[in-house]
Protein backbone atom coordinates (compact mmCIF):
# COMPACT_ATOMS: atom_id res chain seq x y z
CA UNK A 1 35.64 77.23 -233.08
CA UNK A 2 34.66 80.86 -233.57
CA UNK A 3 32.53 79.87 -236.58
CA UNK A 4 30.74 77.20 -234.49
CA UNK A 5 29.91 79.68 -231.73
CA UNK A 6 28.53 82.09 -234.29
CA UNK A 7 26.45 79.34 -235.88
CA UNK A 8 24.92 78.40 -232.44
CA UNK A 9 26.72 75.04 -232.13
CA UNK A 10 27.02 73.81 -228.49
CA UNK A 11 30.37 74.30 -226.86
CA UNK A 12 31.49 71.27 -224.79
CA UNK A 13 31.68 71.96 -221.04
CA UNK A 14 35.03 71.30 -219.45
CA UNK A 15 34.52 69.35 -216.15
CA UNK A 16 35.75 71.21 -213.07
CA UNK A 17 39.31 70.46 -212.33
CA UNK A 18 40.12 68.46 -209.21
CA UNK A 19 41.40 70.36 -206.22
CA UNK A 20 45.19 69.82 -206.29
CA UNK A 21 45.31 70.10 -202.46
CA UNK A 22 42.92 67.19 -201.82
CA UNK A 23 42.91 65.27 -205.07
CA UNK A 24 39.06 65.29 -205.03
CA UNK A 25 36.68 66.98 -207.37
CA UNK A 26 34.16 69.41 -205.83
CA UNK A 27 31.35 66.87 -206.30
CA UNK A 28 33.26 64.10 -204.53
CA UNK A 29 34.39 66.47 -201.81
CA UNK A 30 30.77 67.56 -201.25
CA UNK A 31 29.66 63.90 -201.07
CA UNK A 32 32.42 63.15 -198.55
CA UNK A 33 31.41 66.08 -196.35
CA UNK A 34 27.76 64.98 -196.50
CA UNK A 35 28.74 61.42 -195.53
CA UNK A 36 30.82 62.66 -192.60
CA UNK A 37 27.95 64.87 -191.40
CA UNK A 38 25.53 61.93 -191.55
CA UNK A 39 28.02 59.72 -189.69
CA UNK A 40 28.47 62.38 -187.01
CA UNK A 41 24.70 62.81 -186.61
CA UNK A 42 24.15 59.05 -186.23
CA UNK A 43 26.99 58.83 -183.68
CA UNK A 44 25.55 61.75 -181.74
CA UNK A 45 22.08 60.13 -181.63
CA UNK A 46 23.58 56.80 -180.46
CA UNK A 47 25.61 58.47 -177.73
CA UNK A 48 22.56 60.46 -176.59
CA UNK A 49 20.42 57.30 -176.39
CA UNK A 50 23.15 55.49 -174.44
CA UNK A 51 23.49 58.39 -172.00
CA UNK A 52 19.73 58.56 -171.41
CA UNK A 53 19.57 54.79 -170.84
CA UNK A 54 22.51 54.87 -168.41
CA UNK A 55 21.04 57.86 -166.56
CA UNK A 56 17.73 56.04 -166.12
CA UNK A 57 19.51 52.92 -164.90
CA UNK A 58 21.57 54.87 -162.36
CA UNK A 59 18.46 56.69 -161.16
CA UNK A 60 16.66 53.38 -160.54
CA UNK A 61 19.69 51.97 -158.72
CA UNK A 62 19.93 55.12 -156.61
CA UNK A 63 16.26 54.80 -155.61
CA UNK A 64 16.80 51.15 -154.68
CA UNK A 65 19.85 52.05 -152.57
CA UNK A 66 17.96 54.80 -150.77
CA UNK A 67 15.08 52.41 -150.03
CA UNK A 68 17.41 49.73 -148.66
CA UNK A 69 19.32 52.32 -146.63
CA UNK A 70 16.08 53.56 -145.06
CA UNK A 71 14.97 50.00 -144.26
CA UNK A 72 18.34 49.16 -142.68
CA UNK A 73 18.30 52.39 -140.67
CA UNK A 74 14.76 51.68 -139.40
CA UNK A 75 15.72 48.11 -138.44
CA UNK A 76 18.87 49.20 -136.58
CA UNK A 77 16.97 52.00 -134.85
CA UNK A 78 14.42 49.44 -133.62
CA UNK A 79 17.20 47.21 -132.30
CA UNK A 80 18.81 50.14 -130.51
CA UNK A 81 15.45 51.07 -128.96
CA UNK A 82 14.96 47.49 -127.70
CA UNK A 83 18.46 47.40 -126.21
CA UNK A 84 17.89 50.74 -124.52
CA UNK A 85 14.65 49.43 -122.98
CA UNK A 86 16.48 46.31 -121.76
CA UNK A 87 19.22 48.53 -120.36
CA UNK A 88 16.62 50.58 -118.48
CA UNK A 89 15.08 47.38 -117.06
CA UNK A 90 18.50 46.18 -115.89
CA UNK A 91 19.14 49.56 -114.29
CA UNK A 92 15.85 49.27 -112.38
CA UNK A 93 16.74 45.73 -111.27
CA UNK A 94 20.15 46.96 -110.16
CA UNK A 95 18.59 49.71 -108.08
CA UNK A 96 16.20 47.21 -106.47
CA UNK A 97 19.08 44.89 -105.59
CA UNK A 98 21.05 47.81 -104.18
CA UNK A 99 18.12 48.61 -101.90
CA UNK A 100 17.92 44.95 -100.83
CA UNK A 101 21.65 44.93 -100.04
CA UNK A 102 21.22 48.05 -97.91
CA UNK A 103 18.28 46.46 -96.06
CA UNK A 104 20.22 43.26 -95.40
CA UNK A 105 23.23 45.23 -94.18
CA UNK A 106 20.96 47.05 -91.69
CA UNK A 107 19.45 43.76 -90.54
CA UNK A 108 22.91 42.23 -90.09
CA UNK A 109 23.91 45.09 -87.82
CA UNK A 110 20.75 44.62 -85.72
CA UNK A 111 20.81 40.80 -85.51
CA UNK A 112 24.27 39.34 -84.78
CA UNK A 113 22.88 35.80 -84.60
CA UNK A 114 21.81 35.91 -88.28
CA UNK A 115 24.98 37.62 -89.41
CA UNK A 116 26.44 34.52 -91.10
CA UNK A 117 23.30 33.78 -93.12
CA UNK A 118 22.91 37.42 -94.01
CA UNK A 119 26.57 37.55 -95.01
CA UNK A 120 26.03 34.67 -97.45
CA UNK A 121 22.91 36.37 -98.79
CA UNK A 122 24.83 39.61 -99.18
CA UNK A 123 27.58 37.77 -101.07
CA UNK A 124 25.00 36.22 -103.37
CA UNK A 125 23.33 39.56 -103.95
CA UNK A 126 26.69 41.25 -104.54
CA UNK A 127 27.49 38.57 -107.12
CA UNK A 128 24.14 39.11 -108.81
CA UNK A 129 24.68 42.86 -108.69
CA UNK A 130 28.10 42.50 -110.30
CA UNK A 131 26.64 40.19 -112.94
CA UNK A 132 23.93 42.73 -113.72
CA UNK A 133 26.51 45.51 -113.80
CA UNK A 134 28.61 43.48 -116.25
CA UNK A 135 25.54 42.80 -118.41
CA UNK A 136 24.65 46.49 -118.29
CA UNK A 137 28.18 47.44 -119.37
CA UNK A 138 28.07 44.88 -122.19
CA UNK A 139 24.69 46.21 -123.35
CA UNK A 140 25.95 49.78 -123.28
CA UNK A 141 28.91 48.72 -125.41
CA UNK A 142 26.57 46.93 -127.82
CA UNK A 143 24.39 50.05 -128.05
CA UNK A 144 27.45 52.20 -128.77
CA UNK A 145 28.68 49.70 -131.36
CA UNK A 146 25.29 49.61 -133.08
CA UNK A 147 25.04 53.40 -133.05
CA UNK A 148 28.50 53.60 -134.61
CA UNK A 149 27.53 50.94 -137.15
CA UNK A 150 24.40 52.91 -138.08
CA UNK A 151 26.43 56.10 -138.44
CA UNK A 152 29.10 54.34 -140.52
CA UNK A 153 26.46 52.61 -142.66
CA UNK A 154 24.70 55.89 -143.42
CA UNK A 155 28.06 57.56 -144.08
CA UNK A 156 29.28 54.91 -146.53
CA UNK A 157 25.91 54.88 -148.32
CA UNK A 158 26.10 58.67 -148.72
CA UNK A 159 29.70 58.40 -149.94
CA UNK A 160 28.60 55.76 -152.47
CA UNK A 161 25.81 58.03 -153.75
CA UNK A 162 28.32 60.87 -154.13
CA UNK A 163 30.73 58.51 -155.94
CA UNK A 164 27.94 57.49 -158.36
CA UNK A 165 27.19 61.15 -159.04
CA UNK A 166 30.90 61.92 -159.55
CA UNK A 167 31.21 58.97 -161.95
CA UNK A 168 28.13 60.10 -163.87
CA UNK A 169 29.57 63.62 -164.17
CA UNK A 170 33.00 62.31 -165.15
CA UNK A 171 34.66 63.94 -162.11
CA UNK A 172 37.26 61.20 -161.65
CA UNK A 173 39.43 63.16 -159.18
CA UNK A 174 36.45 63.45 -156.84
CA UNK A 175 35.52 59.81 -157.55
CA UNK A 176 39.01 58.64 -156.54
CA UNK A 177 38.83 60.69 -153.33
CA UNK A 178 35.43 59.20 -152.46
CA UNK A 179 36.60 55.64 -153.21
CA UNK A 180 39.50 56.14 -150.76
CA UNK A 181 37.01 57.20 -148.08
CA UNK A 182 34.72 54.23 -148.83
CA UNK A 183 37.52 51.60 -148.76
CA UNK A 184 37.77 51.18 -144.92
CA UNK A 185 33.94 51.05 -144.64
CA UNK A 186 33.08 48.88 -147.66
CA UNK A 187 32.40 45.85 -145.41
CA UNK A 188 29.20 47.65 -144.29
CA UNK A 189 27.85 47.75 -147.85
CA UNK A 190 25.19 45.33 -149.03
CA UNK A 191 26.04 42.91 -151.88
CA UNK A 192 24.21 45.20 -154.31
CA UNK A 193 26.15 48.24 -153.11
CA UNK A 194 29.43 46.31 -153.34
CA UNK A 195 28.61 45.39 -156.95
CA UNK A 196 28.00 49.07 -157.67
CA UNK A 197 31.28 49.97 -155.92
CA UNK A 198 33.19 47.49 -158.08
CA UNK A 199 31.65 49.09 -161.16
CA UNK A 200 32.91 52.50 -160.00
CA UNK A 201 36.49 51.37 -159.35
CA UNK A 202 39.04 53.33 -161.38
CA UNK A 203 41.47 51.06 -163.27
């Protein structure tokens, strides 16, 4: 061997020994690391694309919910305005009838001969007045109910938006708290909002 090295003969290269800890040669270990890095990069790109797609979808759904919420609020506000106008008209009619009752009572005191007829007219007017008072009370209750429904509808829509944001951020403790607040009001949600709520439910 010494003579061959002196004569310039090539000395065979001994391949690198495998790493006893892993059982892989450096070349195979390098290839494995490269493969794992490529696999991680592809997974990262896929997850990023999925997150961007889901974010865009949630943004579009949020815009649709806001639009529907505004339309519902405008419609309910119009209904409340109409009921308030009707209530004002009934109040005016009630005041007019009250004045008529007072006039008939004065006439009854002045004309004893027409007391019976006036008494019947007064009874009729009192009945009409009571009917109008009952209608006014019913309308006031309807106005209060609609106002409460509007407030509850806006509240549950806002809670749903917060729940969507909590779900998107992965804040499941906050999401669970919001779902508990939404539960008694979920009947006020539209079919689309209820579908979204079902998608947010924590198993």
